[in-house]
Amino acid sequence: MTSKLYAETTGSITELKRNPKGVLASGQGAPVAILSHNQPAFYCIPADTYEAMMERMEDLELAAKVHEREHEKEIKVDWDDL
């Protein structure tokens, strides 16, 4: 069975156990596909990359809500009433 890899760099679970920081560094900031029996088991990414991904997903979710609500009836609010 073949799988699509979403990383240019790969490492094995054995390599990851032996040298986790080295495997992560081999990706030079990009994801590293960790293989088990030549199949991707998971992806290893730097913390700052993960944080940026989470922020991007949050932005996309908020944008989707804006698009959902853009045709809703507008409600006028006076700041003094708040």
C-alpha atoms as a PDB file:
ATOM      1  CA  MET A   1       0.000   0.000   0.000  1.00  0.00           C
ATOM      2  CA  THR A   2       1.339   3.439  -0.883  1.00  0.00           C
ATOM      3  CA  SER A   3       0.684   6.694   0.906  1.00  0.00           C
ATOM      4  CA  LYS A   4       1.163  10.288  -0.117  1.00  0.00           C
ATOM      5  CA  LEU A   5       3.860  11.994   1.931  1.00  0.00           C
ATOM      6  CA  TYR A   6       3.395  15.602   2.963  1.00  0.00           C
ATOM      7  CA  ALA A   7       7.069  16.060   3.827  1.00  0.00           C
ATOM      8  CA  GLU A   8      10.313  16.026   1.910  1.00  0.00           C
ATOM      9  CA  THR A   9      12.215  14.525   4.846  1.00  0.00           C
ATOM     10  CA  THR A  10      11.515  11.176   6.487  1.00  0.00           C
ATOM     11  CA  GLY A  11      12.763   9.333   9.530  1.00  0.00           C
ATOM     12  CA  SER A  12      11.985   6.061  11.228  1.00  0.00           C
ATOM     13  CA  ILE A  13      10.489   5.550  14.656  1.00  0.00           C
ATOM     14  CA  THR A  14      13.786   3.934  15.659  1.00  0.00           C
ATOM     15  CA  GLU A  15      15.723   7.031  14.580  1.00  0.00           C
ATOM     16  CA  LEU A  16      13.248   9.234  16.441  1.00  0.00           C
ATOM     17  CA  LYS A  17      13.695   7.200  19.652  1.00  0.00           C
ATOM     18  CA  ARG A  18      17.477   7.357  19.304  1.00  0.00           C
ATOM     19  CA  ASN A  19      17.791  11.062  18.459  1.00  0.00           C
ATOM     20  CA  PRO A  20      14.518  13.055  18.504  1.00  0.00           C
ATOM     21  CA  LYS A  21      16.143  16.482  18.171  1.00  0.00           C
ATOM     22  CA  GLY A  22      18.335  15.253  15.330  1.00  0.00           C
ATOM     23  CA  VAL A  23      15.339  13.916  13.390  1.00  0.00           C
ATOM     24  CA  LEU A  24      13.482  17.184  13.879  1.00  0.00           C
ATOM     25  CA  ALA A  25      16.553  19.194  12.848  1.00  0.00           C
ATOM     26  CA  SER A  26      16.882  17.137   9.658  1.00  0.00           C
ATOM     27  CA  GLY A  27      13.688  18.782   8.422  1.00  0.00           C
ATOM     28  CA  GLN A  28      15.294  22.237   8.698  1.00  0.00           C
ATOM     29  CA  GLY A  29      12.054  23.742  10.009  1.00  0.00           C
ATOM     30  CA  ALA A  30       9.779  21.746   7.709  1.00  0.00           C
ATOM     31  CA  PRO A  31       7.735  18.662   8.665  1.00  0.00           C
ATOM     32  CA  VAL A  32       9.439  15.276   8.959  1.00  0.00           C
ATOM     33  CA  ALA A  33       7.350  12.204   8.124  1.00  0.00           C
ATOM     34  CA  ILE A  34       7.977   9.464  10.689  1.00  0.00           C
ATOM     35  CA  LEU A  35       7.645   6.068   9.060  1.00  0.00           C
ATOM     36  CA  SER A  36       6.638   2.746  10.519  1.00  0.00           C
ATOM     37  CA  HIS A  37       7.094  -0.217   8.185  1.00  0.00           C
ATOM     38  CA  ASN A  38       7.708   2.282   5.336  1.00  0.00           C
ATOM     39  CA  GLN A  39       4.302   3.920   5.889  1.00  0.00           C
ATOM     40  CA  PRO A  40       3.817   7.386   7.428  1.00  0.00           C
ATOM     41  CA  ALA A  41       2.807   7.014  11.071  1.00  0.00           C
ATOM     42  CA  PHE A  42       2.835  10.723  11.958  1.00  0.00           C
ATOM     43  CA  TYR A  43       4.531  14.014  11.202  1.00  0.00           C
ATOM     44  CA  CYS A  44       7.028  15.734  13.447  1.00  0.00           C
ATOM     45  CA  ILE A  45       7.122  19.529  13.211  1.00  0.00           C
ATOM     46  CA  PRO A  46       8.830  22.319  15.163  1.00  0.00           C
ATOM     47  CA  ALA A  47       6.752  24.031  17.856  1.00  0.00           C
ATOM     48  CA  ASP A  48       6.723  27.397  16.066  1.00  0.00           C
ATOM     49  CA  THR A  49       5.432  25.736  12.880  1.00  0.00           C
ATOM     50  CA  TYR A  50       2.672  24.005  14.860  1.00  0.00           C
ATOM     51  CA  GLU A  51       1.709  27.275  16.561  1.00  0.00           C
ATOM     52  CA  ALA A  52       1.544  29.068  13.184  1.00  0.00           C
ATOM     53  CA  MET A  53      -0.644  26.251  11.797  1.00  0.00           C
ATOM     54  CA  MET A  54      -3.031  26.520  14.738  1.00  0.00           C
ATOM     55  CA  GLU A  55      -3.283  30.303  14.331  1.00  0.00           C
ATOM     56  CA  ARG A  56      -3.945  29.885  10.601  1.00  0.00           C
ATOM     57  CA  MET A  57      -6.691  27.321  11.253  1.00  0.00           C
ATOM     58  CA  GLU A  58      -8.292  29.663  13.783  1.00  0.00           C
ATOM     59  CA  ASP A  59      -8.197  32.492  11.216  1.00  0.00           C
ATOM     60  CA  LEU A  60      -9.824  30.225   8.613  1.00  0.00           C
ATOM     61  CA  GLU A  61     -12.575  29.224  11.056  1.00  0.00           C
ATOM     62  CA  LEU A  62     -13.279  32.877  11.864  1.00  0.00           C
ATOM     63  CA  ALA A  63     -13.330  33.769   8.164  1.00  0.00           C
ATOM     64  CA  ALA A  64     -15.834  30.968   7.527  1.00  0.00           C
ATOM     65  CA  LYS A  65     -18.102  32.393  10.257  1.00  0.00           C
ATOM     66  CA  VAL A  66     -17.857  35.848   8.695  1.00  0.00           C
ATOM     67  CA  HIS A  67     -18.867  34.431   5.299  1.00  0.00           C
ATOM     68  CA  GLU A  68     -21.740  32.498   6.897  1.00  0.00           C
ATOM     69  CA  ARG A  69     -23.052  35.644   8.548  1.00  0.00           C
ATOM     70  CA  GLU A  70     -22.379  38.241   5.849  1.00  0.00           C
ATOM     71  CA  HIS A  71     -25.971  38.136   4.551  1.00  0.00           C
ATOM     72  CA  GLU A  72     -27.647  38.208   7.970  1.00  0.00           C
ATOM     73  CA  LYS A  73     -29.779  41.192   8.864  1.00  0.00           C
ATOM     74  CA  GLU A  74     -27.759  43.990  10.416  1.00  0.00           C
ATOM     75  CA  ILE A  75     -28.598  45.031  13.968  1.00  0.00           C
ATOM     76  CA  LYS A  76     -27.933  48.669  14.833  1.00  0.00           C
ATOM     77  CA  VAL A  77     -26.338  49.160  18.267  1.00  0.00           C
ATOM     78  CA  ASP A  78     -25.574  52.402  20.066  1.00  0.00           C
ATOM     79  CA  TRP A  79     -22.321  52.332  22.025  1.00  0.00           C
ATOM     80  CA  ASP A  80     -24.001  54.240  24.846  1.00  0.00           C
ATOM     81  CA  ASP A  81     -26.521  51.410  25.232  1.00  0.00           C
ATOM     82  CA  LEU A  82     -23.779  48.906  25.873  1.00  0.00           C
END
